[in-house]
């Protein structure tokens, strides 16, 4: 008989499997994401936040585009460890930092960032989106 708790956890969220899917699908997504990031024309030298950064692949694109600093936030310590290793291998560990946290209660100060990015995360929130949008706006500098 299977352990019900373990069965449910692996069905709902298998971190290793999802991490592998992110790695495998990146060659398909990366060219599109790169074009999107460039089309945003984010200010050079700006400071940005990648909410739900996963394994940091888009944080790398964002940091490359702005030449400033990008902070990635995710709830998964395993994803964050992988993200740090990717940034280090890319020579971007000075330009990108990662920290654990959820998008509904960001562990960050008010008015810290010039912009916020969230792909594959904020758009998939259950319930009322206004509190999440207010939380994302809280960490962005006025104007």
Protein backbone atom coordinates (compact mmCIF):
# COMPACT_ATOMS: atom_id res chain seq x y z
CA UNK A 1 0.00 0.00 0.00
CA UNK A 2 1.37 3.43 -0.97
CA UNK A 3 1.90 6.18 1.51
CA UNK A 4 -0.92 8.61 0.76
CA UNK A 5 1.04 11.70 1.78
CA UNK A 6 4.02 10.91 -0.46
CA UNK A 7 1.76 9.97 -3.34
CA UNK A 8 -0.12 13.27 -3.10
CA UNK A 9 3.03 15.35 -2.80
CA UNK A 10 4.65 13.78 -5.84
CA UNK A 11 1.47 14.14 -7.88
CA UNK A 12 0.97 17.78 -6.97
CA UNK A 13 4.53 19.00 -7.18
CA UNK A 14 7.53 16.96 -8.21
CA UNK A 15 10.34 19.52 -8.01
CA UNK A 16 12.96 17.40 -9.76
CA UNK A 17 10.67 16.59 -12.67
CA UNK A 18 9.59 20.21 -13.08
CA UNK A 19 13.19 21.42 -12.89
CA UNK A 20 14.11 19.04 -15.71
CA UNK A 21 11.18 20.29 -17.79
CA UNK A 22 12.38 23.87 -17.35
CA UNK A 23 15.86 22.92 -18.53
CA UNK A 24 14.62 20.87 -21.48
CA UNK A 25 12.11 23.48 -22.73
CA UNK A 26 14.45 26.46 -22.35
CA UNK A 27 15.95 26.17 -25.88
CA UNK A 28 12.41 26.57 -27.24
CA UNK A 29 11.40 29.44 -24.95
CA UNK A 30 14.66 31.37 -24.76
CA UNK A 31 14.55 33.04 -28.21
CA UNK A 32 10.99 34.25 -27.61
CA UNK A 33 11.73 35.46 -24.09
CA UNK A 34 14.87 37.23 -25.30
CA UNK A 35 12.82 39.14 -27.90
CA UNK A 36 10.19 40.03 -25.29
CA UNK A 37 12.81 41.31 -22.85
CA UNK A 38 14.49 43.39 -25.56
CA UNK A 39 11.12 44.78 -26.72
CA UNK A 40 10.45 46.08 -23.20
CA UNK A 41 13.42 48.41 -23.63
CA UNK A 42 14.17 48.37 -19.90
CA UNK A 43 16.51 51.19 -18.82
CA UNK A 44 20.25 50.39 -18.88
CA UNK A 45 21.67 50.06 -15.41
CA UNK A 46 18.25 49.56 -13.83
CA UNK A 47 17.49 47.28 -10.90
CA UNK A 48 14.81 44.64 -11.46
CA UNK A 49 12.94 41.87 -9.73
CA UNK A 50 12.06 38.49 -11.25
CA UNK A 51 9.17 37.09 -9.19
CA UNK A 52 8.78 33.32 -9.47
CA UNK A 53 12.21 33.15 -11.06
CA UNK A 54 12.36 29.36 -11.02
CA UNK A 55 15.83 28.24 -12.04
CA UNK A 56 16.89 31.75 -13.08
CA UNK A 57 16.94 31.45 -16.86
CA UNK A 58 14.90 34.60 -17.46
CA UNK A 59 16.80 36.49 -14.74
CA UNK A 60 19.91 35.92 -16.86
CA UNK A 61 18.21 37.41 -19.92
CA UNK A 62 16.97 40.38 -17.91
CA UNK A 63 20.39 41.06 -16.38
CA UNK A 64 22.02 40.84 -19.79
CA UNK A 65 19.49 43.29 -21.25
CA UNK A 66 19.78 45.96 -18.53
CA UNK A 67 23.36 45.60 -17.39
CA UNK A 68 22.09 46.38 -13.89
CA UNK A 69 21.19 44.10 -11.03
CA UNK A 70 18.36 41.54 -11.03
CA UNK A 71 16.99 39.86 -7.92
CA UNK A 72 15.17 36.58 -8.40
CA UNK A 73 12.63 35.37 -5.84
CA UNK A 74 11.16 31.88 -5.72
CA UNK A 75 9.64 29.59 -3.11
CA UNK A 76 11.73 26.55 -4.02
CA UNK A 77 15.16 26.26 -2.37
CA UNK A 78 16.08 23.60 -4.95
CA UNK A 79 15.24 25.94 -7.85
CA UNK A 80 17.19 28.76 -6.22
CA UNK A 81 20.26 26.57 -5.76
CA UNK A 82 20.09 25.62 -9.43
CA UNK A 83 19.60 29.29 -10.39
CA UNK A 84 22.69 30.30 -8.42
CA UNK A 85 24.75 27.66 -10.19
CA UNK A 86 23.51 28.81 -13.61
CA UNK A 87 24.35 32.45 -12.79
CA UNK A 88 27.78 31.45 -11.54
CA UNK A 89 28.51 29.40 -14.69
CA UNK A 90 27.38 32.36 -16.82
CA UNK A 91 29.68 34.72 -14.91
CA UNK A 92 26.69 36.73 -13.71
CA UNK A 93 26.67 36.01 -9.97
CA UNK A 94 27.67 39.63 -9.20
CA UNK A 95 24.79 40.94 -11.30
CA UNK A 96 22.07 38.51 -10.16
CA UNK A 97 21.05 37.47 -6.67
CA UNK A 98 18.40 35.01 -5.58
CA UNK A 99 16.36 34.69 -2.42
CA UNK A 100 13.58 32.53 -1.12
CA UNK A 101 10.12 34.05 -0.83
CA UNK A 102 6.56 34.03 -2.05
CA UNK A 103 5.00 36.58 -4.36
CA UNK A 104 2.12 37.31 -2.00
CA UNK A 105 4.47 38.54 0.74
CA UNK A 106 7.78 39.50 -0.83
CA UNK A 107 10.72 39.57 1.61
CA UNK A 108 11.83 42.92 0.16
CA UNK A 109 11.70 46.59 1.10
CA UNK A 110 9.26 49.06 -0.40
CA UNK A 111 10.38 51.15 -3.39
CA UNK A 112 13.44 49.01 -4.14
CA UNK A 113 13.22 48.15 -7.84
CA UNK A 114 12.82 50.01 -11.12
CA UNK A 115 10.67 47.23 -12.60
CA UNK A 116 9.18 43.81 -11.87
CA UNK A 117 9.04 40.79 -14.19
CA UNK A 118 6.98 37.67 -13.61
CA UNK A 119 6.58 35.10 -16.35
CA UNK A 120 4.89 31.76 -15.74
CA UNK A 121 4.00 32.78 -12.20
CA UNK A 122 1.95 35.91 -11.37
CA UNK A 123 -0.50 35.31 -14.20
CA UNK A 124 -1.45 31.93 -12.76
CA UNK A 125 -2.54 32.99 -9.29
CA UNK A 126 -5.78 31.62 -7.93
CA UNK A 127 -8.25 34.07 -6.47
CA UNK A 128 -8.32 37.83 -6.54
CA UNK A 129 -5.31 39.31 -8.43
CA UNK A 130 -5.47 42.81 -6.88
CA UNK A 131 -3.62 41.95 -3.63
CA UNK A 132 -0.82 40.36 -5.65
CA UNK A 133 -0.56 43.36 -7.96
CA UNK A 134 -0.42 45.67 -4.94
CA UNK A 135 2.39 43.56 -3.46
CA UNK A 136 4.35 43.71 -6.71
CA UNK A 137 3.76 47.48 -6.96
CA UNK A 138 4.91 47.93 -3.34
CA UNK A 139 8.49 46.97 -4.17
CA UNK A 140 8.72 49.20 -7.27
CA UNK A 141 9.98 52.77 -6.96
CA UNK A 142 7.38 55.49 -7.58
CA UNK A 143 7.22 56.77 -11.13
